[in-house]
Amino acid sequence: MIHILSNTPSILNVFISEIRDAEIQKDRLRFRYNLVRLGEIFAYEISRQLEFAEKEVVTPLGMATVPVLREQPVLAAIMRAGLPFHQGFLNFFDHSDTAFVSAYRKRHKDGTFTINVEYSQVPDINDKVLIVCDSMLASGASMVNAYRDLMLKGKPRHVHLVSVLASEEGLDYVRKHIPMQDIDLWVGVIDEELTAQSFIVPGLGDAGDLAYGKKEIN
């Protein structure tokens, strides 16, 4: 199942407009903070599909019965652009364990690139709900490679793959290379064009550079 949050007008669209805006992007702190806020919105929406159980809470005036999460999901962040987005999830799922996956574009002299997963640290994900978050889904290769690496470490009960901005081509690549049973795809907005260099158009540019500064090209 694919959930496209921008299809329903909400405050999410305001934050997406700001991370796209070339003038507002000059404020690196605001760019990161908007990714955090978007992560919080996605976390809320995904929480509506998780399992809850009733719990009795002692208040100053009596007892209240409230639904609470049966268990916290495990979060997975794809470094580096995914880190502020992940923080938004962690603000809401504040007792969650987190996996970290280092995936990057290894560029070649002919102008092509491959996606390398260099490093990962993964908690127990067996029979857990796993949320994999990355701010951009361009070619889809980073998400696919990160997912495959995570599946080598355990077998979650259900997986949510989440990106703020996705390309049509990237979504097709993910659906082609990941078995979609027991998986939900969540995106903020989908753009149609992907350049030969795998940049989304109109997109927003390089999210990692906008959040943390320009990197040295490998």
Protein backbone atom coordinates (compact mmCIF):
# COMPACT_ATOMS: atom_id res chain seq x y z
CA MET A 1 0.00 0.00 0.00
CA ILE A 2 1.22 3.50 -0.83
CA HIS A 3 0.19 6.45 1.34
CA ILE A 4 0.68 9.91 -0.24
CA LEU A 5 0.12 12.44 2.52
CA SER A 6 0.12 15.56 0.32
CA ASN A 7 -3.02 14.32 -1.43
CA THR A 8 -4.93 15.60 1.59
CA PRO A 9 -4.25 19.32 2.23
CA SER A 10 -2.66 19.77 5.66
CA ILE A 11 0.15 21.60 7.44
CA LEU A 12 2.49 18.99 5.92
CA ASN A 13 2.18 20.80 2.59
CA VAL A 14 3.41 24.02 4.20
CA PHE A 15 6.58 22.35 5.48
CA ILE A 16 7.18 20.67 2.11
CA SER A 17 6.84 24.03 0.37
CA GLU A 18 9.48 25.46 2.70
CA ILE A 19 12.04 22.68 2.20
CA ARG A 20 11.59 23.13 -1.57
CA ASP A 21 11.96 26.94 -1.46
CA ALA A 22 15.48 27.92 -2.59
CA GLU A 23 15.40 31.10 -0.51
CA ILE A 24 14.22 29.45 2.71
CA GLN A 25 16.77 26.66 2.15
CA LYS A 26 19.54 29.17 2.87
CA ASP A 27 18.58 28.86 6.54
CA ARG A 28 20.12 25.48 7.29
CA LEU A 29 18.63 25.31 10.78
CA ARG A 30 15.11 25.85 9.44
CA PHE A 31 15.65 23.23 6.73
CA ARG A 32 16.63 20.63 9.33
CA TYR A 33 13.79 21.65 11.64
CA ASN A 34 11.23 21.30 8.86
CA LEU A 35 12.47 17.74 8.23
CA VAL A 36 12.04 17.06 11.94
CA ARG A 37 8.47 18.40 11.85
CA LEU A 38 7.70 16.32 8.78
CA GLY A 39 9.02 13.25 10.60
CA GLU A 40 6.63 14.00 13.45
CA ILE A 41 3.68 14.19 11.06
CA PHE A 42 4.58 10.86 9.45
CA ALA A 43 5.06 9.31 12.89
CA TYR A 44 1.56 10.41 13.91
CA GLU A 45 0.00 9.03 10.71
CA ILE A 46 1.81 5.70 11.02
CA SER A 47 0.88 5.43 14.71
CA ARG A 48 -2.76 5.15 13.65
CA GLN A 49 -1.93 1.74 12.11
CA LEU A 50 -0.09 0.34 15.13
CA GLU A 51 -1.55 -1.88 17.83
CA PHE A 52 -2.85 -0.30 21.05
CA ALA A 53 -3.95 -1.71 24.38
CA GLU A 54 -5.96 -0.11 27.16
CA LYS A 55 -4.09 1.01 30.26
CA GLU A 56 -5.36 2.36 33.55
CA VAL A 57 -3.66 5.57 34.62
CA VAL A 58 -3.85 7.10 38.07
CA THR A 59 -4.70 10.81 37.86
CA PRO A 60 -4.76 13.30 40.75
CA LEU A 61 -8.54 12.81 40.89
CA GLY A 62 -9.08 9.18 40.06
CA MET A 63 -8.50 6.54 37.39
CA ALA A 64 -8.56 6.94 33.61
CA THR A 65 -8.48 4.23 30.95
CA VAL A 66 -6.47 5.22 27.89
CA PRO A 67 -5.18 3.36 24.80
CA VAL A 68 -1.38 3.11 24.65
CA LEU A 69 1.01 1.45 22.22
CA ARG A 70 1.45 -2.27 22.79
CA GLU A 71 5.08 -1.86 21.77
CA GLN A 72 7.31 0.80 20.29
CA PRO A 73 8.35 0.35 16.64
CA VAL A 74 12.02 0.05 15.73
CA LEU A 75 13.25 3.04 13.74
CA ALA A 76 15.90 2.86 11.01
CA ALA A 77 17.68 5.98 9.75
CA ILE A 78 19.60 6.11 6.48
CA MET A 79 22.50 8.49 7.01
CA ARG A 80 23.06 11.33 6.46
CA ALA A 81 20.06 13.19 5.03
CA GLY A 82 17.72 10.88 6.92
CA LEU A 83 18.95 11.97 10.36
CA PRO A 84 16.77 15.07 10.99
CA PHE A 85 13.78 13.24 9.49
CA HIS A 86 14.47 10.34 11.87
CA GLN A 87 14.60 12.76 14.80
CA GLY A 88 10.97 13.67 14.15
CA PHE A 89 10.00 10.00 14.49
CA LEU A 90 12.08 9.66 17.64
CA ASN A 91 10.34 12.71 19.16
CA PHE A 92 7.06 10.77 19.00
CA PHE A 93 8.27 7.17 19.42
CA ASP A 94 10.61 8.27 22.17
CA HIS A 95 11.29 4.80 23.61
CA SER A 96 12.09 3.22 20.25
CA ASP A 97 15.30 1.42 19.43
CA THR A 98 17.08 2.73 16.33
CA ALA A 99 19.04 1.12 13.52
CA PHE A 100 21.54 3.23 11.57
CA VAL A 101 22.47 2.42 7.97
CA SER A 102 25.23 4.26 6.12
CA ALA A 103 24.34 4.26 2.41
CA TYR A 104 26.01 6.58 -0.08
CA ARG A 105 26.49 7.19 -3.79
CA LYS A 106 29.87 5.95 -5.02
CA ARG A 107 30.48 7.93 -8.20
CA HIS A 108 32.50 6.52 -11.09
CA LYS A 109 34.61 8.25 -13.72
CA ASP A 110 32.02 7.62 -16.44
CA GLY A 111 29.47 9.66 -14.48
CA THR A 112 27.51 6.68 -13.20
CA PHE A 113 27.25 5.70 -9.55
CA THR A 114 26.44 2.75 -7.35
CA ILE A 115 24.83 2.77 -3.91
CA ASN A 116 27.11 1.32 -1.27
CA VAL A 117 26.01 0.29 2.21
CA GLU A 118 29.21 0.75 4.17
CA TYR A 119 28.05 0.26 7.74
CA SER A 120 24.99 -0.61 9.81
CA GLN A 121 24.12 -1.06 13.47
CA VAL A 122 20.82 -2.84 14.04
CA PRO A 123 18.96 -3.74 17.26
CA ASP A 124 16.66 -6.74 17.50
CA ILE A 125 14.05 -6.36 14.75
CA ASN A 126 12.61 -9.88 14.82
CA ASP A 127 8.80 -9.83 14.91
CA LYS A 128 8.86 -6.03 15.38
CA VAL A 129 7.31 -3.19 13.42
CA LEU A 130 10.19 -1.52 11.55
CA ILE A 131 10.05 2.04 10.19
CA VAL A 132 12.79 2.88 7.65
CA CYS A 133 13.04 6.63 7.05
CA ASP A 134 15.00 8.60 4.46
CA SER A 135 14.17 12.13 3.42
CA MET A 136 14.46 11.49 -0.34
CA LEU A 137 13.61 8.54 -2.55
CA ALA A 138 15.23 9.38 -5.88
CA SER A 139 16.43 6.31 -7.78
CA GLY A 140 15.18 4.07 -4.97
CA ALA A 141 18.51 2.23 -4.73
CA SER A 142 19.42 3.55 -1.27
CA MET A 143 16.12 2.41 0.20
CA VAL A 144 16.35 -1.00 -1.47
CA ASN A 145 19.95 -1.61 -0.39
CA ALA A 146 19.26 -0.42 3.15
CA TYR A 147 16.18 -2.66 3.34
CA ARG A 148 18.17 -5.67 2.12
CA ASP A 149 20.90 -5.01 4.68
CA LEU A 150 18.33 -4.76 7.48
CA MET A 151 16.67 -8.02 6.41
CA LEU A 152 20.01 -9.78 6.87
CA LYS A 153 19.85 -8.81 10.56
CA GLY A 154 16.33 -10.04 11.34
CA LYS A 155 12.75 -10.58 10.19
CA PRO A 156 10.33 -7.83 11.24
CA ARG A 157 6.58 -8.43 11.45
CA HIS A 158 5.75 -5.38 9.35
CA VAL A 159 7.79 -2.69 7.60
CA HIS A 160 6.99 0.95 6.83
CA LEU A 161 9.25 2.64 4.24
CA VAL A 162 9.01 6.42 4.51
CA SER A 163 10.29 9.37 2.43
CA VAL A 164 9.29 13.01 2.28
CA LEU A 165 9.89 13.34 -1.45
CA ALA A 166 9.89 10.55 -4.03
CA SER A 167 10.18 10.17 -7.77
CA GLU A 168 7.86 7.97 -9.81
CA GLU A 169 10.89 6.03 -11.04
CA GLY A 170 12.18 5.51 -7.52
CA LEU A 171 8.84 4.19 -6.31
CA ASP A 172 8.69 1.78 -9.26
CA TYR A 173 12.22 0.58 -8.46
CA VAL A 174 11.32 -0.08 -4.83
CA ARG A 175 8.15 -1.96 -5.74
CA LYS A 176 10.11 -4.05 -8.26
CA HIS A 177 13.01 -4.97 -5.95
CA ILE A 178 11.31 -5.34 -2.55
CA PRO A 179 8.59 -7.94 -1.85
CA MET A 180 5.65 -5.72 -0.93
CA GLN A 181 3.68 -8.10 1.28
CA ASP A 182 3.61 -6.77 4.86
CA ILE A 183 5.10 -3.44 3.68
CA ASP A 184 3.58 0.04 3.57
CA LEU A 185 5.16 2.86 1.53
CA TRP A 186 4.68 6.41 2.85
CA VAL A 187 5.60 9.54 0.90
CA GLY A 188 4.88 13.22 1.31
CA VAL A 189 4.80 14.08 -2.38
CA ILE A 190 5.72 12.40 -5.68
CA ASP A 191 7.55 14.20 -8.51
CA GLU A 192 7.52 12.73 -12.01
CA GLU A 193 10.99 13.59 -13.35
CA LEU A 194 14.33 12.03 -12.42
CA THR A 195 17.47 13.30 -14.17
CA ALA A 196 20.26 11.11 -15.53
CA GLN A 197 22.20 12.00 -12.36
CA SER A 198 19.24 10.76 -10.26
CA PHE A 199 18.11 14.16 -9.01
CA ILE A 200 14.38 14.63 -8.55
CA VAL A 201 12.80 17.50 -10.55
CA PRO A 202 11.49 19.86 -9.32
CA GLY A 203 12.60 18.21 -6.08
CA LEU A 204 14.56 20.31 -3.63
CA GLY A 205 18.25 19.67 -4.35
CA ASP A 206 20.61 17.62 -2.20
CA ALA A 207 18.93 17.20 1.20
CA GLY A 208 22.14 16.11 2.91
CA ASP A 209 24.05 19.16 1.68
CA LEU A 210 21.20 21.48 2.63
CA ALA A 211 21.07 20.02 6.13
CA TYR A 212 24.79 19.65 6.87
CA GLY A 213 26.86 21.41 4.21
CA LYS A 214 28.41 20.38 0.91
CA LYS A 215 30.32 17.10 0.95
CA GLU A 216 33.48 16.23 -0.91
CA ILE A 217 32.61 14.30 -4.06
CA ASN A 218 34.03 10.77 -4.01
